[in-house]
Amino acid sequence: MDVLGYSLQEISHITGTTIPAVKAALNRGRAGLRELARQPGRPARAGMAEPERARLAAYVERFNARDFDAIRGHARR
């Protein structure tokens, strides 16, 4: 919802859950991110193999271009 712009109804349909369940999951996720942001120090950097690095780079490129259809998988490059 926050990144790709799906509505609560769309997320509910995609995940096969109720709107209250989607709201609860979003709340838990946001709270978890706030907690991580409050922790001191930098998290350890996880290593990635080349295929994962390439996939992440493609995602970032599409996200920065605001090509959300490509991110969602509706449009292929």
C-alpha atoms as a PDB file:
ATOM      1  CA  MET A   1       0.000   0.000   0.000  1.00  0.00           C
ATOM      2  CA  ASP A   2       2.661   2.503   1.039  1.00  0.00           C
ATOM      3  CA  VAL A   3       5.087   1.656  -1.758  1.00  0.00           C
ATOM      4  CA  LEU A   4       3.077   0.358  -4.694  1.00  0.00           C
ATOM      5  CA  GLY A   5      -0.103   2.295  -4.021  1.00  0.00           C
ATOM      6  CA  TYR A   6      -2.546  -0.588  -3.818  1.00  0.00           C
ATOM      7  CA  SER A   7      -5.814   0.177  -2.043  1.00  0.00           C
ATOM      8  CA  LEU A   8      -6.957  -1.754   1.020  1.00  0.00           C
ATOM      9  CA  GLN A   9      -9.505  -3.514  -1.158  1.00  0.00           C
ATOM     10  CA  GLU A  10      -6.869  -4.534  -3.721  1.00  0.00           C
ATOM     11  CA  ILE A  11      -4.534  -5.859  -1.033  1.00  0.00           C
ATOM     12  CA  SER A  12      -7.405  -7.756   0.540  1.00  0.00           C
ATOM     13  CA  HIS A  13      -8.196  -9.380  -2.801  1.00  0.00           C
ATOM     14  CA  ILE A  14      -4.534 -10.175  -3.598  1.00  0.00           C
ATOM     15  CA  THR A  15      -3.833 -11.707  -0.201  1.00  0.00           C
ATOM     16  CA  GLY A  16      -7.213 -13.378   0.248  1.00  0.00           C
ATOM     17  CA  THR A  17      -7.748 -11.718   3.615  1.00  0.00           C
ATOM     18  CA  THR A  18     -10.205  -9.233   5.057  1.00  0.00           C
ATOM     19  CA  ILE A  19      -9.694  -5.479   5.085  1.00  0.00           C
ATOM     20  CA  PRO A  20      -9.356  -5.487   8.912  1.00  0.00           C
ATOM     21  CA  ALA A  21      -6.613  -8.140   8.567  1.00  0.00           C
ATOM     22  CA  VAL A  22      -4.823  -5.975   5.989  1.00  0.00           C
ATOM     23  CA  LYS A  23      -5.054  -2.939   8.286  1.00  0.00           C
ATOM     24  CA  ALA A  24      -3.667  -4.971  11.197  1.00  0.00           C
ATOM     25  CA  ALA A  25      -0.755  -6.259   9.102  1.00  0.00           C
ATOM     26  CA  LEU A  26       0.062  -2.749   7.880  1.00  0.00           C
ATOM     27  CA  ASN A  27      -0.033  -1.478  11.464  1.00  0.00           C
ATOM     28  CA  ARG A  28       2.319  -4.255  12.663  1.00  0.00           C
ATOM     29  CA  GLY A  29       4.687  -3.684   9.751  1.00  0.00           C
ATOM     30  CA  ARG A  30       4.834   0.069  10.254  1.00  0.00           C
ATOM     31  CA  ALA A  31       5.379  -0.352  14.006  1.00  0.00           C
ATOM     32  CA  GLY A  32       8.192  -2.820  13.326  1.00  0.00           C
ATOM     33  CA  LEU A  33       9.882  -0.390  10.937  1.00  0.00           C
ATOM     34  CA  ARG A  34       9.588   2.430  13.489  1.00  0.00           C
ATOM     35  CA  GLU A  35      11.211   0.195  16.102  1.00  0.00           C
ATOM     36  CA  LEU A  36      14.066  -0.712  13.763  1.00  0.00           C
ATOM     37  CA  ALA A  37      14.606   2.970  12.972  1.00  0.00           C
ATOM     38  CA  ARG A  38      14.960   3.747  16.702  1.00  0.00           C
ATOM     39  CA  GLN A  39      17.655   1.127  17.292  1.00  0.00           C
ATOM     40  CA  PRO A  40      21.165   2.548  17.616  1.00  0.00           C
ATOM     41  CA  GLY A  41      23.955   1.660  15.219  1.00  0.00           C
ATOM     42  CA  ARG A  42      23.885   0.347  11.719  1.00  0.00           C
ATOM     43  CA  PRO A  43      22.479  -3.070  10.970  1.00  0.00           C
ATOM     44  CA  ALA A  44      24.885  -5.666   9.660  1.00  0.00           C
ATOM     45  CA  ARG A  45      25.090  -5.667   5.894  1.00  0.00           C
ATOM     46  CA  ALA A  46      23.822  -8.875   4.384  1.00  0.00           C
ATOM     47  CA  GLY A  47      25.725 -10.235   1.435  1.00  0.00           C
ATOM     48  CA  MET A  48      23.908 -10.917  -1.806  1.00  0.00           C
ATOM     49  CA  ALA A  49      24.765 -13.153  -4.694  1.00  0.00           C
ATOM     50  CA  GLU A  50      24.927 -11.567  -8.140  1.00  0.00           C
ATOM     51  CA  PRO A  51      21.429 -12.694  -9.262  1.00  0.00           C
ATOM     52  CA  GLU A  52      19.862 -11.086  -6.189  1.00  0.00           C
ATOM     53  CA  ARG A  53      21.916  -7.909  -6.685  1.00  0.00           C
ATOM     54  CA  ALA A  54      20.755  -7.695 -10.302  1.00  0.00           C
ATOM     55  CA  ARG A  55      17.120  -8.250  -9.274  1.00  0.00           C
ATOM     56  CA  LEU A  56      17.384  -5.538  -6.610  1.00  0.00           C
ATOM     57  CA  ALA A  57      19.017  -3.116  -9.070  1.00  0.00           C
ATOM     58  CA  ALA A  58      16.181  -3.718 -11.567  1.00  0.00           C
ATOM     59  CA  TYR A  59      13.593  -3.113  -8.829  1.00  0.00           C
ATOM     60  CA  VAL A  60      15.276   0.124  -7.736  1.00  0.00           C
ATOM     61  CA  GLU A  61      15.510   1.332 -11.328  1.00  0.00           C
ATOM     62  CA  ARG A  62      11.816   0.662 -11.937  1.00  0.00           C
ATOM     63  CA  PHE A  63      10.808   2.153  -8.584  1.00  0.00           C
ATOM     64  CA  ASN A  64      12.790   5.344  -9.200  1.00  0.00           C
ATOM     65  CA  ALA A  65      11.215   5.591 -12.660  1.00  0.00           C
ATOM     66  CA  ARG A  66       7.811   5.181 -10.976  1.00  0.00           C
ATOM     67  CA  ASP A  67       7.152   2.205 -13.278  1.00  0.00           C
ATOM     68  CA  PHE A  68       4.886   0.483 -10.775  1.00  0.00           C
ATOM     69  CA  ASP A  69       3.231  -1.700 -13.396  1.00  0.00           C
ATOM     70  CA  ALA A  70       6.618  -3.270 -14.119  1.00  0.00           C
ATOM     71  CA  ILE A  71       7.211  -3.757 -10.405  1.00  0.00           C
ATOM     72  CA  ARG A  72       3.840  -5.410 -10.031  1.00  0.00           C
ATOM     73  CA  GLY A  73       4.747  -7.719 -12.897  1.00  0.00           C
ATOM     74  CA  HIS A  74       2.069  -6.493 -15.293  1.00  0.00           C
ATOM     75  CA  ALA A  75       4.618  -5.123 -17.757  1.00  0.00           C
ATOM     76  CA  ARG A  76       7.793  -6.953 -18.685  1.00  0.00           C
ATOM     77  CA  ARG A  77      10.996  -5.307 -19.817  1.00  0.00           C
END
